[in-house]
Amino acid sequence: MIDWQPLDSEAQLTNLIAHSETKPQIILKHSISCPTSSMVKSRLDRSQRSETADYYLLDLWNYRAISDLVAHKFGVRHESPQLLIIHEGKCVYHESHYGITQEAIQASVAAI
């Protein structure tokens, strides 16, 4: 199971970007009201996580402003669910909906 860290403030996003200089940071934009989002999160929770990255969960229901900030900072159009991998301050991978898989995450992190 993934130990998701909540992403719920602009300061935390700033820290996440700083930490991306030395370790990939993964953000899952998750909507508790979306069945697709719940299925994707559940599938990720049941898979083997990458030990070389930190995982953050952005609750879109309660922190939409942070989600908008993420979209703006990384130049990625907002979708839900959506997964972004941040490395060296940039979004190096993003995917949405059923394209989000742990295999793709692991391959992207390994390529960094």
C-alpha atoms as a PDB file:
ATOM      1  CA  MET A   1       0.000   0.000   0.000  1.00  0.00           C
ATOM      2  CA  ILE A   2       1.192   3.485  -0.799  1.00  0.00           C
ATOM      3  CA  ASP A   3       1.837   5.861   2.071  1.00  0.00           C
ATOM      4  CA  TRP A   4       0.209   8.926   0.488  1.00  0.00           C
ATOM      5  CA  GLN A   5       1.244  12.289   1.885  1.00  0.00           C
ATOM      6  CA  PRO A   6      -1.519  14.886   1.627  1.00  0.00           C
ATOM      7  CA  LEU A   7      -0.843  17.846  -0.649  1.00  0.00           C
ATOM      8  CA  ASP A   8      -2.953  20.617   0.824  1.00  0.00           C
ATOM      9  CA  SER A   9      -1.036  23.903   0.753  1.00  0.00           C
ATOM     10  CA  GLU A  10       1.000  26.126  -1.518  1.00  0.00           C
ATOM     11  CA  ALA A  11       3.933  25.905   0.925  1.00  0.00           C
ATOM     12  CA  GLN A  12       3.846  22.127   0.695  1.00  0.00           C
ATOM     13  CA  LEU A  13       3.862  22.337  -3.121  1.00  0.00           C
ATOM     14  CA  THR A  14       6.914  24.616  -2.921  1.00  0.00           C
ATOM     15  CA  ASN A  15       8.668  22.046  -0.704  1.00  0.00           C
ATOM     16  CA  LEU A  16       7.680  19.221  -3.056  1.00  0.00           C
ATOM     17  CA  ILE A  17       9.252  21.113  -5.970  1.00  0.00           C
ATOM     18  CA  ALA A  18      12.436  21.661  -3.950  1.00  0.00           C
ATOM     19  CA  HIS A  19      12.616  17.951  -3.043  1.00  0.00           C
ATOM     20  CA  SER A  20      12.180  17.051  -6.714  1.00  0.00           C
ATOM     21  CA  GLU A  21      15.774  18.185  -7.262  1.00  0.00           C
ATOM     22  CA  THR A  22      17.017  15.000  -5.583  1.00  0.00           C
ATOM     23  CA  LYS A  23      14.069  12.581  -5.742  1.00  0.00           C
ATOM     24  CA  PRO A  24      11.064  12.263  -8.076  1.00  0.00           C
ATOM     25  CA  GLN A  25       7.809  13.489  -6.559  1.00  0.00           C
ATOM     26  CA  ILE A  26       4.525  11.919  -7.621  1.00  0.00           C
ATOM     27  CA  ILE A  27       1.212  13.779  -7.363  1.00  0.00           C
ATOM     28  CA  LEU A  28      -2.134  12.040  -7.764  1.00  0.00           C
ATOM     29  CA  LYS A  29      -5.027  14.443  -8.262  1.00  0.00           C
ATOM     30  CA  HIS A  30      -7.923  12.511  -6.782  1.00  0.00           C
ATOM     31  CA  SER A  31     -11.631  13.266  -6.594  1.00  0.00           C
ATOM     32  CA  ILE A  32     -13.547  11.349  -3.938  1.00  0.00           C
ATOM     33  CA  SER A  33     -16.763  11.858  -5.929  1.00  0.00           C
ATOM     34  CA  CYS A  34     -15.398  10.299  -9.145  1.00  0.00           C
ATOM     35  CA  PRO A  35     -15.700   6.505  -9.566  1.00  0.00           C
ATOM     36  CA  THR A  36     -12.812   6.452 -12.072  1.00  0.00           C
ATOM     37  CA  SER A  37     -10.579   8.309  -9.638  1.00  0.00           C
ATOM     38  CA  SER A  38     -11.473   5.901  -6.826  1.00  0.00           C
ATOM     39  CA  MET A  39     -10.744   2.897  -9.050  1.00  0.00           C
ATOM     40  CA  VAL A  40      -7.367   4.299 -10.163  1.00  0.00           C
ATOM     41  CA  LYS A  41      -6.319   5.086  -6.583  1.00  0.00           C
ATOM     42  CA  SER A  42      -7.418   1.645  -5.413  1.00  0.00           C
ATOM     43  CA  ARG A  43      -5.436  -0.004  -8.225  1.00  0.00           C
ATOM     44  CA  LEU A  44      -2.325   2.009  -7.276  1.00  0.00           C
ATOM     45  CA  ASP A  45      -2.782   1.158  -3.588  1.00  0.00           C
ATOM     46  CA  ARG A  46      -2.760  -2.570  -4.411  1.00  0.00           C
ATOM     47  CA  SER A  47       0.425  -2.378  -6.494  1.00  0.00           C
ATOM     48  CA  GLN A  48       4.102  -2.250  -5.619  1.00  0.00           C
ATOM     49  CA  ARG A  49       5.157   1.369  -5.252  1.00  0.00           C
ATOM     50  CA  SER A  50       8.408   2.864  -6.473  1.00  0.00           C
ATOM     51  CA  GLU A  51      10.717   3.183  -3.477  1.00  0.00           C
ATOM     52  CA  THR A  52      12.695   5.910  -5.228  1.00  0.00           C
ATOM     53  CA  ALA A  53       9.866   8.470  -5.245  1.00  0.00           C
ATOM     54  CA  ASP A  54       7.599  10.285  -2.794  1.00  0.00           C
ATOM     55  CA  TYR A  55       3.828  10.026  -3.301  1.00  0.00           C
ATOM     56  CA  TYR A  56       1.375  12.883  -2.703  1.00  0.00           C
ATOM     57  CA  LEU A  57      -2.405  12.813  -2.816  1.00  0.00           C
ATOM     58  CA  LEU A  58      -4.196  16.007  -3.828  1.00  0.00           C
ATOM     59  CA  ASP A  59      -7.849  15.948  -2.730  1.00  0.00           C
ATOM     60  CA  LEU A  60      -9.605  17.876  -5.490  1.00  0.00           C
ATOM     61  CA  TRP A  61     -12.815  18.149  -3.521  1.00  0.00           C
ATOM     62  CA  ASN A  62     -11.195  20.209  -0.760  1.00  0.00           C
ATOM     63  CA  TYR A  63      -8.130  21.743  -2.435  1.00  0.00           C
ATOM     64  CA  ARG A  64      -9.157  22.764  -5.945  1.00  0.00           C
ATOM     65  CA  ALA A  65      -7.074  25.967  -5.694  1.00  0.00           C
ATOM     66  CA  ILE A  66      -3.933  23.868  -5.133  1.00  0.00           C
ATOM     67  CA  SER A  67      -4.885  21.716  -8.132  1.00  0.00           C
ATOM     68  CA  ASP A  68      -5.233  24.837 -10.273  1.00  0.00           C
ATOM     69  CA  LEU A  69      -1.821  25.992  -9.044  1.00  0.00           C
ATOM     70  CA  VAL A  70      -0.280  22.628  -9.973  1.00  0.00           C
ATOM     71  CA  ALA A  71      -1.786  22.876 -13.469  1.00  0.00           C
ATOM     72  CA  HIS A  72      -0.441  26.406 -13.868  1.00  0.00           C
ATOM     73  CA  LYS A  73       3.064  25.743 -12.489  1.00  0.00           C
ATOM     74  CA  PHE A  74       3.641  22.657 -14.625  1.00  0.00           C
ATOM     75  CA  GLY A  75       1.703  23.658 -17.739  1.00  0.00           C
ATOM     76  CA  VAL A  76      -0.508  20.586 -17.629  1.00  0.00           C
ATOM     77  CA  ARG A  77      -4.238  20.856 -18.291  1.00  0.00           C
ATOM     78  CA  HIS A  78      -6.286  19.785 -15.252  1.00  0.00           C
ATOM     79  CA  GLU A  79      -7.913  16.363 -15.392  1.00  0.00           C
ATOM     80  CA  SER A  80      -9.252  13.989 -12.769  1.00  0.00           C
ATOM     81  CA  PRO A  81      -7.848  11.604 -11.920  1.00  0.00           C
ATOM     82  CA  GLN A  82      -4.435  12.780 -12.998  1.00  0.00           C
ATOM     83  CA  LEU A  83      -0.916  11.731 -12.077  1.00  0.00           C
ATOM     84  CA  LEU A  84       2.178  13.902 -12.449  1.00  0.00           C
ATOM     85  CA  ILE A  85       5.823  13.048 -11.854  1.00  0.00           C
ATOM     86  CA  ILE A  86       7.897  16.075 -10.884  1.00  0.00           C
ATOM     87  CA  HIS A  87      11.679  15.950 -11.283  1.00  0.00           C
ATOM     88  CA  GLU A  88      14.119  18.853 -11.050  1.00  0.00           C
ATOM     89  CA  GLY A  89      11.205  21.260 -10.738  1.00  0.00           C
ATOM     90  CA  LYS A  90       9.486  20.129 -13.943  1.00  0.00           C
ATOM     91  CA  CYS A  91       6.673  17.781 -14.829  1.00  0.00           C
ATOM     92  CA  VAL A  92       8.457  14.965 -16.674  1.00  0.00           C
ATOM     93  CA  TYR A  93       5.415  12.688 -17.001  1.00  0.00           C
ATOM     94  CA  HIS A  94       1.673  13.046 -16.697  1.00  0.00           C
ATOM     95  CA  GLU A  95      -1.247  10.768 -17.379  1.00  0.00           C
ATOM     96  CA  SER A  96      -4.935  10.699 -16.632  1.00  0.00           C
ATOM     97  CA  HIS A  97      -7.809   8.316 -16.150  1.00  0.00           C
ATOM     98  CA  TYR A  98      -7.146   4.649 -16.967  1.00  0.00           C
ATOM     99  CA  GLY A  99      -3.711   5.442 -18.365  1.00  0.00           C
ATOM    100  CA  ILE A 100      -2.450   5.771 -14.788  1.00  0.00           C
ATOM    101  CA  THR A 101      -0.643   2.550 -13.892  1.00  0.00           C
ATOM    102  CA  GLN A 102       2.097   1.658 -11.449  1.00  0.00           C
ATOM    103  CA  GLU A 103       4.012   0.022 -14.306  1.00  0.00           C
ATOM    104  CA  ALA A 104       4.094   3.319 -16.233  1.00  0.00           C
ATOM    105  CA  ILE A 105       5.059   5.188 -13.061  1.00  0.00           C
ATOM    106  CA  GLN A 106       7.926   2.795 -12.377  1.00  0.00           C
ATOM    107  CA  ALA A 107       9.176   2.969 -15.978  1.00  0.00           C
ATOM    108  CA  SER A 108       9.081   6.782 -15.916  1.00  0.00           C
ATOM    109  CA  VAL A 109      10.882   6.991 -12.579  1.00  0.00           C
ATOM    110  CA  ALA A 110      13.497   4.467 -13.738  1.00  0.00           C
ATOM    111  CA  ALA A 111      14.166   6.580 -16.849  1.00  0.00           C
ATOM    112  CA  ILE A 112      15.021   9.647 -14.758  1.00  0.00           C
END
